[in-house]
């Protein structure tokens, strides 16, 4: 009888174990199905920084809605108070980020537009523009790599973010530092792309080299943190330039139509390139501060808030300006004539093929921002995150490119009877403050596994009246990812993400930085006469591995640890 009871009990235990395994397998399978569905949604949208375009894989997979539960050592950026959630000892976080971008700009002419030309001659209409009825594509990501310079690639690999932390046993404070990109954006086009008049190659980025940080647990439920970032900002532009002015149009018209005589050596038209400007500027010391708080009164709820300071940038660098053969030949013909109206003689002053020197930029700042959010954990299998953030983009009202001398390019408007530019090209930005929001969901089928999905809505800070081809439109961001707890205290986070904007249109004569005539600056709107439609996508793949340094085989670490132990014993 006792034997049968033991047998039955054994069968019950085996059945319970089998049920447990079945439940775990069902949970894992549900999680995998959930993640695959999200990936399918992601790739269907992606059939094709600015802020936080690069970051920790967990944050990217949750739509950056992590202020209330920031990701490990990268709490440095998202909310320094979250450092108090790190384990004791020394921790190392290694990252890998892959970036790709794809942007399409379609140009359709406004049939009511024309450039003035001499009486009784044909008009230069928008249909005659070489960019009309074409689509430009930016398919490479452009960045500045320290000690190397600007590079571009279809897929840009970066071994970041990288972080380190230390916490004494039973300590309420944690120290950390990290290297990462809080801001980044860049693109590259072919040299003959129709979008080349607003950037064949462009990049803007801010890189934090080191970020000494500390988090302190004031109460069991309340923590504060601060991070001081030492960073480098870099900006570069390589662009063709054209000038849609009626007097230049006249050189083209007279050069083509006066009894076979090659007046103006053929002239230069309103749709022709007059040259190429290339510059790279940097600020190698642009500090910033992040201050955060984290409140977690119960296990199923937390609230976080972070303030990220404004970064005042003093860009300085070098430029090269080259002028087109058509412009130089036209100006040469003018110089060779004995008698010409006064309106032409000044134009003949352009005689150099190349100019170079130093340049600086005034007025650009990376704006301050505030982000706050909540985390809810109502049932063991799910956690929900929601964040809102405000960014003060309005600090960027106007920027100025200041050259070390008055270039021939800057003499051109004055030669054409327009306001002089002296040594400066000014861009009216009129950026607007913006509120954005995002949410994320974690599904936890097992203690050592979590599936993630997130969404973020990003409203553009660039208004229609100052839009250009380098602007980032209002976008949607979808992220998905997976988190695993490995052996020896290691964790692995994976993420896929996509920023996308299906279509955004700018009608002709809307933006002074794109297609509206601006008599105060002839170079900022090179697409007069064109209606422009933009389609934009950026892809992100990220991996982060966090581990205790004690588990790593670092040369000399065991010796250092034993030396410290001996010293402590002697003391």
Protein backbone atom coordinates (compact mmCIF):
# COMPACT_ATOMS: atom_id res chain seq x y z
CA UNK A 1 0.00 0.00 0.00
CA UNK A 2 2.78 2.37 0.99
CA UNK A 3 4.59 1.52 -2.27
CA UNK A 4 1.52 2.47 -4.31
CA UNK A 5 1.13 5.77 -2.42
CA UNK A 6 4.78 6.65 -3.09
CA UNK A 7 4.34 5.71 -6.73
CA UNK A 8 1.27 7.91 -7.05
CA UNK A 9 3.06 10.82 -5.31
CA UNK A 10 5.98 10.40 -7.68
CA UNK A 11 3.68 10.47 -10.68
CA UNK A 12 2.03 13.62 -9.31
CA UNK A 13 5.42 15.32 -8.88
CA UNK A 14 6.46 14.31 -12.39
CA UNK A 15 3.16 15.61 -13.73
CA UNK A 16 3.65 18.91 -11.88
CA UNK A 17 7.16 19.24 -13.29
CA UNK A 18 5.87 18.38 -16.74
CA UNK A 19 3.15 21.01 -16.37
CA UNK A 20 5.72 23.55 -15.22
CA UNK A 21 7.85 22.79 -18.26
CA UNK A 22 4.79 22.99 -20.51
CA UNK A 23 3.82 26.35 -19.04
CA UNK A 24 7.37 27.63 -19.52
CA UNK A 25 7.46 26.38 -23.12
CA UNK A 26 4.07 27.95 -23.83
CA UNK A 27 5.28 31.24 -22.30
CA UNK A 28 8.46 31.18 -24.37
CA UNK A 29 6.57 30.31 -27.55
CA UNK A 30 4.05 33.10 -26.90
CA UNK A 31 6.95 35.49 -26.37
CA UNK A 32 8.63 34.39 -29.58
CA UNK A 33 5.37 34.73 -31.54
CA UNK A 34 4.86 38.17 -29.95
CA UNK A 35 8.39 39.30 -30.92
CA UNK A 36 8.09 37.89 -34.48
CA UNK A 37 4.78 39.74 -34.97
CA UNK A 38 6.39 42.98 -33.86
CA UNK A 39 9.35 42.35 -36.19
CA UNK A 40 6.94 41.78 -39.09
CA UNK A 41 5.19 45.06 -38.29
CA UNK A 42 8.59 46.77 -38.07
CA UNK A 43 9.86 45.47 -41.41
CA UNK A 44 6.58 46.20 -43.17
CA UNK A 45 7.00 49.82 -42.09
CA UNK A 46 10.67 49.72 -43.06
CA UNK A 47 10.23 48.45 -46.57
CA UNK A 48 12.05 51.08 -47.47
CA UNK A 49 19.07 61.51 -33.70
CA UNK A 50 18.39 63.35 -34.02
CA UNK A 51 17.68 63.21 -30.29
CA UNK A 52 18.48 59.79 -28.81
CA UNK A 53 18.73 58.25 -32.28
CA UNK A 54 21.52 56.12 -30.82
CA UNK A 55 21.41 54.71 -27.32
CA UNK A 56 21.05 51.62 -25.17
CA UNK A 57 19.35 48.65 -26.84
CA UNK A 58 16.74 48.37 -24.07
CA UNK A 59 15.76 52.04 -24.44
CA UNK A 60 15.59 51.78 -28.24
CA UNK A 61 13.31 48.75 -28.02
CA UNK A 62 10.97 50.60 -25.60
CA UNK A 63 10.58 53.80 -27.61
CA UNK A 64 13.03 55.61 -25.26
CA UNK A 65 10.32 55.53 -22.56
CA UNK A 66 12.72 54.48 -19.81
CA UNK A 67 13.04 57.51 -17.50
CA UNK A 68 11.19 55.63 -14.75
CA UNK A 69 13.39 52.51 -15.12
CA UNK A 70 16.60 53.51 -16.93
CA UNK A 71 18.85 50.89 -18.52
CA UNK A 72 21.82 50.02 -16.32
CA UNK A 73 24.99 52.03 -16.72
CA UNK A 74 23.40 54.13 -19.48
CA UNK A 75 21.25 55.66 -16.75
CA UNK A 76 24.04 58.22 -17.11
CA UNK A 77 22.05 59.63 -20.03
CA UNK A 78 18.43 58.57 -19.48
CA UNK A 79 18.23 59.29 -15.72
CA UNK A 80 21.39 59.28 -13.52
CA UNK A 81 19.28 58.43 -10.45
CA UNK A 82 18.83 54.96 -11.96
CA UNK A 83 22.48 54.18 -11.23
CA UNK A 84 21.37 53.25 -7.69
CA UNK A 85 19.70 50.14 -9.16
CA UNK A 86 23.06 48.71 -10.27
CA UNK A 87 24.66 45.72 -8.60
CA UNK A 88 27.60 45.91 -6.23
CA UNK A 89 31.15 45.73 -7.55
CA UNK A 90 32.52 46.86 -10.89
CA UNK A 91 30.30 46.57 -13.96
CA UNK A 92 31.18 46.98 -17.63
CA UNK A 93 28.71 47.67 -20.44
CA UNK A 94 29.72 47.09 -24.07
CA UNK A 95 27.61 48.20 -27.00
CA UNK A 96 27.37 47.88 -30.76
CA UNK A 97 25.09 50.09 -32.88
CA UNK A 98 24.39 49.77 -36.61
CA UNK A 99 22.83 52.75 -38.43
CA UNK A 100 21.45 53.17 -41.91
CA UNK A 101 19.37 55.89 -43.54
CA UNK A 102 17.26 56.31 -46.64
CA UNK A 103 15.74 59.59 -47.78
CA UNK A 104 13.93 60.39 -51.00
CA UNK A 105 13.27 63.95 -52.23
CA UNK A 106 10.89 64.32 -55.19
CA UNK A 107 10.81 67.56 -57.22
CA UNK A 108 7.73 68.61 -59.20
CA UNK A 109 7.69 72.02 -60.94
CA UNK A 110 5.27 74.82 -60.21
CA UNK A 111 3.92 75.69 -63.67
CA UNK A 112 3.25 79.29 -62.64
CA UNK A 113 6.91 79.97 -61.79
CA UNK A 114 9.45 81.65 -64.07
CA UNK A 115 12.73 83.51 -63.72
CA UNK A 116 12.76 87.00 -65.26
CA UNK A 117 14.79 87.47 -68.43
CA UNK A 118 15.21 90.26 -71.03
CA UNK A 119 12.11 91.55 -72.84
CA UNK A 120 11.05 89.69 -75.97
CA UNK A 121 13.02 86.58 -75.02
CA UNK A 122 12.00 83.15 -73.77
CA UNK A 123 11.42 82.63 -70.05
CA UNK A 124 13.22 80.26 -67.71
CA UNK A 125 10.39 78.17 -66.28
CA UNK A 126 10.40 75.63 -63.45
CA UNK A 127 9.98 72.82 -65.99
CA UNK A 128 13.37 73.74 -67.46
CA UNK A 129 15.11 73.11 -64.14
CA UNK A 130 17.30 69.99 -64.31
CA UNK A 131 15.84 68.75 -61.01
CA UNK A 132 12.21 68.92 -62.23
CA UNK A 133 10.39 65.55 -62.33
CA UNK A 134 13.29 63.79 -60.58
CA UNK A 135 13.80 62.11 -57.22
CA UNK A 136 16.97 62.44 -55.18
CA UNK A 137 18.15 59.80 -52.74
CA UNK A 138 20.38 59.93 -49.67
CA UNK A 139 21.22 56.30 -48.90
CA UNK A 140 24.41 56.50 -46.83
CA UNK A 141 24.95 57.56 -43.23
CA UNK A 142 27.62 60.24 -42.72
CA UNK A 143 29.56 60.75 -39.47
CA UNK A 144 32.70 62.35 -38.13
CA UNK A 145 35.06 59.78 -36.60
CA UNK A 146 37.55 61.33 -34.13
CA UNK A 147 41.16 61.25 -35.37
CA UNK A 148 39.97 60.04 -38.81
CA UNK A 149 37.51 62.59 -40.17
CA UNK A 150 34.19 62.36 -42.02
CA UNK A 151 33.19 58.91 -43.30
CA UNK A 152 30.01 57.56 -44.87
CA UNK A 153 28.66 54.06 -45.28
CA UNK A 154 25.43 52.30 -46.22
CA UNK A 155 25.56 50.78 -42.72
CA UNK A 156 27.49 52.69 -40.07
CA UNK A 157 28.86 50.41 -37.29
CA UNK A 158 29.75 52.00 -33.93
CA UNK A 159 31.17 50.18 -30.86
CA UNK A 160 29.01 52.32 -28.56
CA UNK A 161 27.62 53.00 -26.02
CA UNK A 162 30.37 52.02 -23.59
CA UNK A 163 30.11 52.37 -19.81
CA UNK A 164 31.67 51.48 -16.46
CA UNK A 165 30.28 51.59 -12.91
CA UNK A 166 31.39 50.82 -9.35
CA UNK A 167 29.42 50.27 -6.16
CA UNK A 168 30.84 49.34 -2.76
CA UNK A 169 29.07 46.58 -0.81
CA UNK A 170 26.01 47.94 1.00
CA UNK A 171 26.74 51.47 -0.31
CA UNK A 172 23.96 53.91 -1.13
CA UNK A 173 25.99 55.62 -3.81
CA UNK A 174 27.22 54.45 -7.22
CA UNK A 175 29.79 56.06 -9.53
CA UNK A 176 29.92 55.56 -13.29
CA UNK A 177 31.14 56.97 -16.58
CA UNK A 178 30.23 56.36 -20.20
CA UNK A 179 30.91 57.18 -23.86
CA UNK A 180 27.96 57.65 -26.20
CA UNK A 181 26.19 59.83 -28.81
CA UNK A 182 23.14 61.69 -27.42
CA UNK A 183 22.70 63.50 -30.78
CA UNK A 184 23.57 62.38 -34.29
CA UNK A 185 22.32 62.86 -37.85
CA UNK A 186 23.99 62.66 -41.25
CA UNK A 187 23.52 61.61 -44.86
CA UNK A 188 25.39 61.34 -48.17
CA UNK A 189 24.25 61.60 -51.81
CA UNK A 190 25.78 60.99 -55.23
CA UNK A 191 27.55 64.01 -56.77
CA UNK A 192 24.89 64.36 -59.50
CA UNK A 193 21.89 63.88 -57.19
CA UNK A 194 19.16 66.55 -57.58
CA UNK A 195 19.39 67.20 -53.82
CA UNK A 196 23.07 68.18 -54.11
CA UNK A 197 22.29 71.91 -53.78
CA UNK A 198 21.48 71.36 -50.11
CA UNK A 199 24.12 68.86 -49.14
CA UNK A 200 25.90 66.15 -51.07
CA UNK A 201 27.30 65.16 -47.69
CA UNK A 202 26.21 66.37 -44.28
CA UNK A 203 26.69 65.41 -40.63
CA UNK A 204 25.94 66.87 -37.23
CA UNK A 205 26.71 65.07 -33.98
CA UNK A 206 27.55 65.45 -30.33
CA UNK A 207 29.69 62.76 -28.73
CA UNK A 208 30.20 62.37 -24.98
CA UNK A 209 33.77 61.21 -24.44
CA UNK A 210 33.51 60.82 -20.68
CA UNK A 211 30.67 61.44 -18.24
CA UNK A 212 31.63 61.25 -14.52
CA UNK A 213 28.36 60.38 -12.76
CA UNK A 214 27.05 59.57 -9.32
CA UNK A 215 23.74 58.19 -8.10
CA UNK A 216 22.72 58.39 -4.43
CA UNK A 217 19.89 56.55 -2.68
CA UNK A 218 18.42 59.06 -0.22
CA UNK A 219 15.62 56.77 0.91
CA UNK A 220 14.68 53.23 0.06
CA UNK A 221 12.13 54.63 -2.42
CA UNK A 222 13.94 57.80 -3.57
CA UNK A 223 17.19 58.35 -5.48
CA UNK A 224 18.94 61.26 -7.13
CA UNK A 225 21.74 61.38 -9.67
CA UNK A 226 23.93 63.72 -11.68
CA UNK A 227 26.14 63.24 -14.73
CA UNK A 228 28.64 65.75 -16.13
CA UNK A 229 29.41 65.12 -19.77
CA UNK A 230 32.59 66.21 -21.53
CA UNK A 231 31.87 66.10 -25.24
CA UNK A 232 32.81 67.03 -28.76
CA UNK A 233 30.42 68.53 -31.30
CA UNK A 234 31.08 68.27 -35.02
CA UNK A 235 29.33 69.54 -38.16
CA UNK A 236 30.23 69.24 -41.81
CA UNK A 237 28.69 70.13 -45.14
CA UNK A 238 29.69 69.52 -48.76
CA UNK A 239 27.21 71.20 -51.11
CA UNK A 240 26.83 72.58 -54.60
CA UNK A 241 25.55 76.16 -54.86
CA UNK A 242 23.38 77.90 -57.42
CA UNK A 243 21.79 81.34 -57.63
CA UNK A 244 18.36 81.78 -59.21
CA UNK A 245 18.68 85.46 -60.13
CA UNK A 246 17.27 87.24 -63.18
CA UNK A 247 20.59 88.93 -64.04
CA UNK A 248 22.37 85.58 -64.26
CA UNK A 249 19.45 84.29 -66.32
CA UNK A 250 20.09 87.20 -68.70
CA UNK A 251 23.71 86.09 -69.28
CA UNK A 252 22.42 82.68 -70.31
CA UNK A 253 19.71 84.09 -72.55
CA UNK A 254 21.99 86.60 -74.31
CA UNK A 255 24.75 84.03 -74.57
CA UNK A 256 22.43 81.74 -76.52
CA UNK A 257 20.43 84.11 -78.72
CA UNK A 258 22.42 87.01 -80.24
CA UNK A 259 23.26 86.24 -83.89
CA UNK A 260 25.56 83.35 -83.10
CA UNK A 261 27.97 85.58 -81.17
CA UNK A 262 29.12 83.81 -77.98
CA UNK A 263 28.18 86.61 -75.59
CA UNK A 264 29.19 85.83 -71.99
CA UNK A 265 30.86 82.67 -73.38
CA UNK A 266 27.42 81.07 -73.16
CA UNK A 267 26.51 82.59 -69.79
CA UNK A 268 25.35 80.91 -66.62
CA UNK A 269 21.70 80.13 -66.03
CA UNK A 270 19.54 80.18 -62.91
CA UNK A 271 19.58 76.38 -62.72
CA UNK A 272 23.36 75.93 -63.18
CA UNK A 273 25.86 75.32 -60.40
CA UNK A 274 28.12 78.26 -59.63
CA UNK A 275 30.43 76.30 -57.31
CA UNK A 276 30.91 73.93 -54.38
CA UNK A 277 31.33 74.81 -50.70
CA UNK A 278 32.85 72.33 -48.27
CA UNK A 279 33.47 72.96 -44.57
CA UNK A 280 34.08 70.98 -41.39
CA UNK A 281 33.80 72.61 -37.98
CA UNK A 282 34.19 71.27 -34.44
CA UNK A 283 34.00 72.24 -30.81
CA UNK A 284 36.27 69.86 -28.91
CA UNK A 285 35.03 70.91 -25.48
CA UNK A 286 31.28 71.34 -25.09
CA UNK A 287 30.22 70.23 -21.57
CA UNK A 288 26.73 69.26 -20.44
CA UNK A 289 24.89 68.18 -17.28
CA UNK A 290 22.15 65.59 -16.68
CA UNK A 291 20.24 65.65 -13.37
CA UNK A 292 17.67 63.01 -12.48
CA UNK A 293 15.36 61.70 -9.77
CA UNK A 294 13.72 58.29 -9.34
CA UNK A 295 10.80 57.55 -7.01
CA UNK A 296 9.68 53.93 -6.45
CA UNK A 297 7.36 53.68 -3.41
CA UNK A 298 6.09 50.18 -4.34
CA UNK A 299 7.39 47.36 -6.51
CA UNK A 300 4.73 47.84 -9.19
CA UNK A 301 5.12 51.60 -9.74
CA UNK A 302 7.94 54.06 -10.33
CA UNK A 303 8.27 57.65 -11.53
CA UNK A 304 11.37 59.23 -13.04
CA UNK A 305 12.37 62.66 -14.28
CA UNK A 306 15.57 63.93 -15.91
CA UNK A 307 16.84 67.37 -16.92
CA UNK A 308 19.45 67.58 -19.69
CA UNK A 309 21.18 70.93 -19.96
CA UNK A 310 21.66 73.14 -23.00
CA UNK A 311 24.98 72.70 -24.80
CA UNK A 312 26.47 75.93 -26.08
CA UNK A 313 28.64 75.16 -29.10
CA UNK A 314 31.46 77.32 -30.50
CA UNK A 315 32.14 75.80 -33.90
CA UNK A 316 35.46 76.56 -35.60
CA UNK A 317 37.09 74.93 -38.60
CA UNK A 318 38.17 75.24 -42.22
CA UNK A 319 36.44 75.65 -45.58
CA UNK A 320 37.17 75.22 -49.28
CA UNK A 321 35.22 77.00 -52.02
CA UNK A 322 35.59 76.09 -55.70
CA UNK A 323 33.86 77.88 -58.59
CA UNK A 324 32.34 76.35 -61.71
CA UNK A 325 33.92 76.73 -65.15
CA UNK A 326 30.67 78.27 -66.47
CA UNK A 327 30.76 81.07 -63.89
CA UNK A 328 34.48 81.75 -64.39
CA UNK A 329 34.13 81.86 -68.19
CA UNK A 330 31.17 84.26 -67.96
CA UNK A 331 33.10 86.57 -65.63
CA UNK A 332 36.19 86.36 -67.83
CA UNK A 333 34.17 87.50 -70.88
CA UNK A 334 32.85 90.48 -68.89
CA UNK A 335 36.39 91.54 -67.91
CA UNK A 336 37.54 91.43 -71.52
CA UNK A 337 34.89 93.89 -72.75
CA UNK A 338 35.74 97.57 -73.10
CA UNK A 339 32.22 98.95 -72.80
CA UNK A 340 29.47 97.31 -70.71
CA UNK A 341 26.65 98.64 -68.51
CA UNK A 342 27.66 99.13 -64.87
CA UNK A 343 25.45 96.25 -63.76
CA UNK A 344 27.89 93.81 -65.43
CA UNK A 345 31.29 95.21 -64.50
CA UNK A 346 31.18 94.16 -60.83
CA UNK A 347 30.27 90.61 -61.80
CA UNK A 348 33.56 90.38 -63.66
CA UNK A 349 35.48 90.56 -60.36
CA UNK A 350 35.15 86.79 -59.86
CA UNK A 351 38.41 85.38 -61.22
CA UNK A 352 39.67 82.78 -58.72
CA UNK A 353 38.94 79.09 -59.15
CA UNK A 354 39.56 78.17 -55.48
CA UNK A 355 39.40 79.88 -52.10
CA UNK A 356 40.06 78.46 -48.64
CA UNK A 357 40.47 79.62 -45.07
CA UNK A 358 38.96 79.43 -41.59
CA UNK A 359 35.31 79.58 -40.61
CA UNK A 360 33.27 79.75 -37.43
CA UNK A 361 29.59 79.43 -36.67
CA UNK A 362 27.50 81.58 -34.33
CA UNK A 363 24.16 80.88 -32.73
CA UNK A 364 23.79 77.10 -32.70
CA UNK A 365 22.94 75.29 -29.47
CA UNK A 366 21.86 71.80 -28.54
CA UNK A 367 18.73 72.67 -26.56
CA UNK A 368 17.88 71.80 -22.99
CA UNK A 369 15.23 69.15 -22.49
CA UNK A 370 13.13 67.59 -19.73
CA UNK A 371 11.78 64.06 -19.82
CA UNK A 372 9.55 62.29 -17.30
CA UNK A 373 7.74 59.00 -17.19
CA UNK A 374 6.07 56.24 -15.22
CA UNK A 375 6.42 52.47 -15.03
CA UNK A 376 3.53 50.16 -14.11
CA UNK A 377 3.98 46.47 -13.27
CA UNK A 378 0.41 45.32 -12.49
CA UNK A 379 0.95 41.61 -13.22
CA UNK A 380 4.18 39.56 -13.18
CA UNK A 381 4.26 38.97 -16.95
CA UNK A 382 3.90 42.58 -18.14
CA UNK A 383 5.43 45.99 -17.49
CA UNK A 384 4.22 49.21 -19.11
CA UNK A 385 6.16 52.45 -19.65
CA UNK A 386 5.02 55.91 -20.70
CA UNK A 387 7.18 59.04 -21.14
CA UNK A 388 6.73 62.63 -22.28
CA UNK A 389 9.52 65.10 -23.06
CA UNK A 390 9.92 68.79 -23.88
CA UNK A 391 12.81 70.25 -25.89
CA UNK A 392 13.55 73.98 -26.16
CA UNK A 393 14.47 74.09 -29.85
CA UNK A 394 13.49 77.78 -30.01
CA UNK A 395 17.01 78.71 -28.80
CA UNK A 396 18.04 78.15 -32.43
CA UNK A 397 16.50 81.17 -34.12
CA UNK A 398 19.35 82.01 -36.52
CA UNK A 399 22.83 80.72 -37.27
CA UNK A 400 25.65 82.48 -39.11
CA UNK A 401 28.60 81.13 -41.07
CA UNK A 402 31.43 83.62 -40.59
CA UNK A 403 34.30 83.43 -43.10
CA UNK A 404 37.77 84.84 -42.48
CA UNK A 405 37.49 87.04 -45.59
CA UNK A 406 34.93 88.28 -48.06
CA UNK A 407 34.74 85.44 -50.54
CA UNK A 408 34.00 85.96 -54.21
CA UNK A 409 30.80 84.06 -53.47
CA UNK A 410 29.77 86.70 -50.94
CA UNK A 411 30.49 89.51 -53.44
CA UNK A 412 28.10 88.00 -55.95
CA UNK A 413 24.81 89.33 -54.44
CA UNK A 414 26.22 92.86 -54.34
CA UNK A 415 27.34 92.48 -57.98
CA UNK A 416 23.76 91.57 -58.86
CA UNK A 417 22.32 94.62 -57.10
CA UNK A 418 21.17 92.74 -53.98
CA UNK A 419 22.08 93.41 -50.29
CA UNK A 420 25.75 92.77 -49.50
CA UNK A 421 26.67 89.73 -47.38
CA UNK A 422 30.08 91.01 -46.19
CA UNK A 423 31.80 87.95 -44.63
CA UNK A 424 28.71 86.10 -43.39
CA UNK A 425 25.97 83.80 -44.65
CA UNK A 426 23.00 83.80 -42.24
CA UNK A 427 20.31 81.13 -42.02
CA UNK A 428 16.97 81.91 -40.43
CA UNK A 429 15.94 78.76 -38.53
CA UNK A 430 12.92 79.79 -36.42
CA UNK A 431 12.97 76.44 -34.60
CA UNK A 432 10.01 75.70 -32.34
CA UNK A 433 9.80 74.09 -28.90
CA UNK A 434 8.31 70.61 -29.05
CA UNK A 435 6.54 68.08 -26.81
CA UNK A 436 6.97 64.42 -27.75
CA UNK A 437 5.83 61.17 -26.17
CA UNK A 438 6.51 57.45 -26.24
CA UNK A 439 5.51 54.18 -24.62
CA UNK A 440 6.90 50.70 -24.20
CA UNK A 441 5.76 47.22 -23.15
CA UNK A 442 7.79 44.37 -21.68
CA UNK A 443 6.51 40.80 -21.75
CA UNK A 444 8.32 38.53 -19.25
CA UNK A 445 7.65 34.83 -19.96
CA UNK A 446 10.60 33.68 -17.83
CA UNK A 447 12.73 35.17 -15.09
CA UNK A 448 15.72 35.35 -17.43
CA UNK A 449 13.94 36.44 -20.62
CA UNK A 450 11.97 39.52 -21.67
CA UNK A 451 10.44 40.64 -24.98
CA UNK A 452 10.01 44.36 -25.69
CA UNK A 453 8.19 46.69 -28.04
CA UNK A 454 7.95 50.48 -28.08
CA UNK A 455 6.71 53.49 -30.02
CA UNK A 456 7.76 57.14 -30.02
CA UNK A 457 6.14 60.11 -31.73
CA UNK A 458 8.65 62.81 -32.77
CA UNK A 459 7.24 66.13 -33.96
CA UNK A 460 9.57 68.18 -36.15
CA UNK A 461 11.00 71.32 -34.57
CA UNK A 462 11.48 72.92 -38.02
CA UNK A 463 8.47 74.99 -39.19
CA UNK A 464 7.37 74.98 -42.84
CA UNK A 465 8.73 78.49 -43.49
CA UNK A 466 12.33 77.44 -42.72
CA UNK A 467 12.29 73.81 -43.87
CA UNK A 468 15.15 72.45 -46.02
CA UNK A 469 16.50 69.13 -47.31
CA UNK A 470 18.66 68.67 -44.20
CA UNK A 471 15.69 68.93 -41.84
CA UNK A 472 14.25 65.89 -40.08
CA UNK A 473 10.47 65.71 -40.59
CA UNK A 474 7.89 64.66 -38.06
CA UNK A 475 8.54 60.94 -37.64
CA UNK A 476 7.22 57.81 -36.03
CA UNK A 477 9.58 55.41 -34.31
CA UNK A 478 8.91 51.71 -33.79
CA UNK A 479 11.30 49.58 -31.75
CA UNK A 480 11.40 45.97 -30.67
CA UNK A 481 13.89 43.90 -28.73
CA UNK A 482 14.87 41.04 -26.50
CA UNK A 483 16.59 40.88 -23.10
CA UNK A 484 18.39 37.85 -21.69
CA UNK A 485 19.98 37.18 -18.31
CA UNK A 486 23.03 35.00 -18.89
CA UNK A 487 25.35 33.10 -16.59
CA UNK A 488 27.82 34.80 -14.24
CA UNK A 489 25.67 37.90 -13.82
CA UNK A 490 25.79 38.93 -17.47
CA UNK A 491 22.85 40.47 -19.36
CA UNK A 492 22.34 40.78 -23.11
CA UNK A 493 19.97 43.30 -24.74
CA UNK A 494 19.10 43.36 -28.45
CA UNK A 495 17.03 45.91 -30.38
CA UNK A 496 15.75 46.77 -33.84
CA UNK A 497 14.26 50.17 -34.57
CA UNK A 498 13.05 52.37 -37.40
CA UNK A 499 12.28 56.09 -37.67
CA UNK A 500 10.02 56.69 -40.65
CA UNK A 501 7.98 59.36 -42.37
CA UNK A 502 5.89 58.20 -45.30
CA UNK A 503 5.56 61.57 -47.09
CA UNK A 504 5.89 65.25 -46.24
CA UNK A 505 5.27 67.97 -48.84
CA UNK A 506 6.51 71.57 -49.15
CA UNK A 507 4.75 73.65 -51.80
CA UNK A 508 6.72 76.13 -53.88
CA UNK A 509 7.35 79.55 -52.32
CA UNK A 510 6.87 78.20 -48.78
CA UNK A 511 10.32 78.04 -47.15
CA UNK A 512 13.01 80.74 -47.28
CA UNK A 513 15.57 77.94 -46.81
CA UNK A 514 14.29 75.80 -49.67
CA UNK A 515 12.07 77.24 -52.42
CA UNK A 516 10.94 80.80 -51.55
CA UNK A 517 12.79 83.82 -52.95
CA UNK A 518 14.87 85.55 -50.29
CA UNK A 519 16.43 88.80 -51.55
CA UNK A 520 18.53 89.06 -48.38
CA UNK A 521 20.27 85.77 -49.10
CA UNK A 522 20.43 84.38 -52.63
CA UNK A 523 21.98 81.04 -51.64
CA UNK A 524 19.65 79.63 -48.98
CA UNK A 525 16.74 78.70 -51.29
CA UNK A 526 18.16 76.88 -54.35
CA UNK A 527 14.88 75.19 -55.34
CA UNK A 528 12.65 78.13 -56.30
CA UNK A 529 9.85 76.91 -58.55
CA UNK A 530 9.74 73.36 -57.17
CA UNK A 531 7.15 71.52 -55.05
CA UNK A 532 9.09 69.05 -52.94
CA UNK A 533 7.97 65.82 -51.29
CA UNK A 534 10.12 63.99 -48.73
CA UNK A 535 10.13 60.35 -47.66
CA UNK A 536 12.52 59.46 -44.84
CA UNK A 537 13.62 56.38 -42.90
CA UNK A 538 16.46 55.53 -40.53
CA UNK A 539 17.20 51.99 -39.36
CA UNK A 540 18.85 51.04 -36.08
CA UNK A 541 20.15 47.72 -34.74
CA UNK A 542 21.74 47.67 -31.29
CA UNK A 543 23.35 45.21 -28.90
CA UNK A 544 24.46 45.75 -25.30
CA UNK A 545 26.31 43.29 -23.08
CA UNK A 546 26.68 44.12 -19.38
CA UNK A 547 28.86 42.03 -17.06
CA UNK A 548 30.67 42.14 -13.73
CA UNK A 549 34.33 42.91 -14.36
CA UNK A 550 35.23 40.17 -11.86
CA UNK A 551 33.99 37.64 -14.44
CA UNK A 552 36.28 38.98 -17.16
CA UNK A 553 39.78 37.74 -17.87
CA UNK A 554 41.60 41.07 -17.67
CA UNK A 555 45.41 40.87 -17.51
CA UNK A 556 46.59 41.96 -14.07
CA UNK A 557 43.09 42.06 -12.53
CA UNK A 558 43.64 38.96 -10.33
CA UNK A 559 47.00 40.34 -9.16
CA UNK A 560 45.45 43.73 -8.36
CA UNK A 561 42.59 42.08 -6.46
CA UNK A 562 44.98 39.91 -4.39
CA UNK A 563 47.22 42.93 -3.73
CA UNK A 564 44.25 44.94 -2.42
CA UNK A 565 43.17 42.00 -0.24
CA UNK A 566 46.63 41.69 1.30
CA UNK A 567 46.77 45.41 1.93
CA UNK A 568 43.37 45.33 3.66
CA UNK A 569 44.53 42.42 5.87
CA UNK A 570 47.72 44.28 6.84
CA UNK A 571 45.70 47.35 7.77
